[in-house]
């Protein structure tokens, strides 16, 4: 039973860390993600995309 609790606790901690990373990473790397998306969209379209006046959530 002791091992089962440790395994359960480990799985729970890993799950919480995964959720925290999924929330924190986009906030920290927002500018880099935005620049990469703009670059790829501009490559794919026959136009230049710029959303400087808009905001991203």
Protein backbone atom coordinates (compact mmCIF):
# COMPACT_ATOMS: atom_id res chain seq x y z
CA UNK A 1 0.00 0.00 0.00
CA UNK A 2 2.92 2.33 0.71
CA UNK A 3 4.23 1.92 -2.85
CA UNK A 4 0.80 2.54 -4.30
CA UNK A 5 0.58 5.87 -2.47
CA UNK A 6 4.02 6.89 -3.71
CA UNK A 7 3.14 6.01 -7.30
CA UNK A 8 -0.15 7.88 -7.04
CA UNK A 9 1.55 10.92 -5.54
CA UNK A 10 4.23 10.86 -8.24
CA UNK A 11 1.62 10.68 -11.00
CA UNK A 12 -0.33 13.52 -9.40
CA UNK A 13 2.78 15.72 -9.13
CA UNK A 14 3.73 15.03 -12.76
CA UNK A 15 0.19 15.87 -13.87
CA UNK A 16 0.21 19.16 -11.95
CA UNK A 17 3.62 20.07 -13.39
CA UNK A 18 2.38 19.30 -16.91
CA UNK A 19 -0.68 21.51 -16.46
CA UNK A 20 1.45 24.30 -14.97
CA UNK A 21 3.88 24.10 -17.89
CA UNK A 22 0.99 24.22 -20.38
CA UNK A 23 -0.19 27.45 -18.74
CA UNK A 24 3.18 29.13 -18.11
CA UNK A 25 5.06 28.39 -21.36
CA UNK A 26 2.70 30.34 -23.68
CA UNK A 27 2.80 33.32 -21.33
CA UNK A 28 6.59 33.37 -21.08
CA UNK A 29 7.26 32.78 -24.82
CA UNK A 30 4.35 34.83 -26.20
CA UNK A 31 6.54 37.14 -28.31
CA UNK A 32 8.53 34.29 -29.86
CA UNK A 33 5.38 32.30 -30.60
CA UNK A 34 3.71 35.35 -32.17
CA UNK A 35 6.76 36.04 -34.37
CA UNK A 36 6.93 32.42 -35.52
CA UNK A 37 3.21 32.36 -36.35
CA UNK A 38 3.48 35.61 -38.34
CA UNK A 39 6.46 34.28 -40.26
CA UNK A 40 4.75 31.01 -41.16
CA UNK A 41 1.48 32.73 -42.12
CA UNK A 42 3.34 35.17 -44.36
CA UNK A 43 5.11 32.25 -46.04
CA UNK A 44 1.80 30.49 -46.69
CA UNK A 45 -0.17 33.49 -48.01
CA UNK A 46 0.32 35.85 -50.92
CA UNK A 47 -0.05 38.76 -48.53
CA UNK A 48 1.70 40.23 -45.54
CA UNK A 49 -0.06 39.67 -42.26
CA UNK A 50 0.36 42.09 -39.39
CA UNK A 51 -1.88 42.27 -36.33
CA UNK A 52 -0.05 45.07 -34.56
CA UNK A 53 -3.30 46.88 -33.74
CA UNK A 54 -4.98 43.75 -32.44
CA UNK A 55 -4.28 41.79 -29.33
CA UNK A 56 -3.76 38.14 -28.62
CA UNK A 57 -5.32 36.65 -25.52
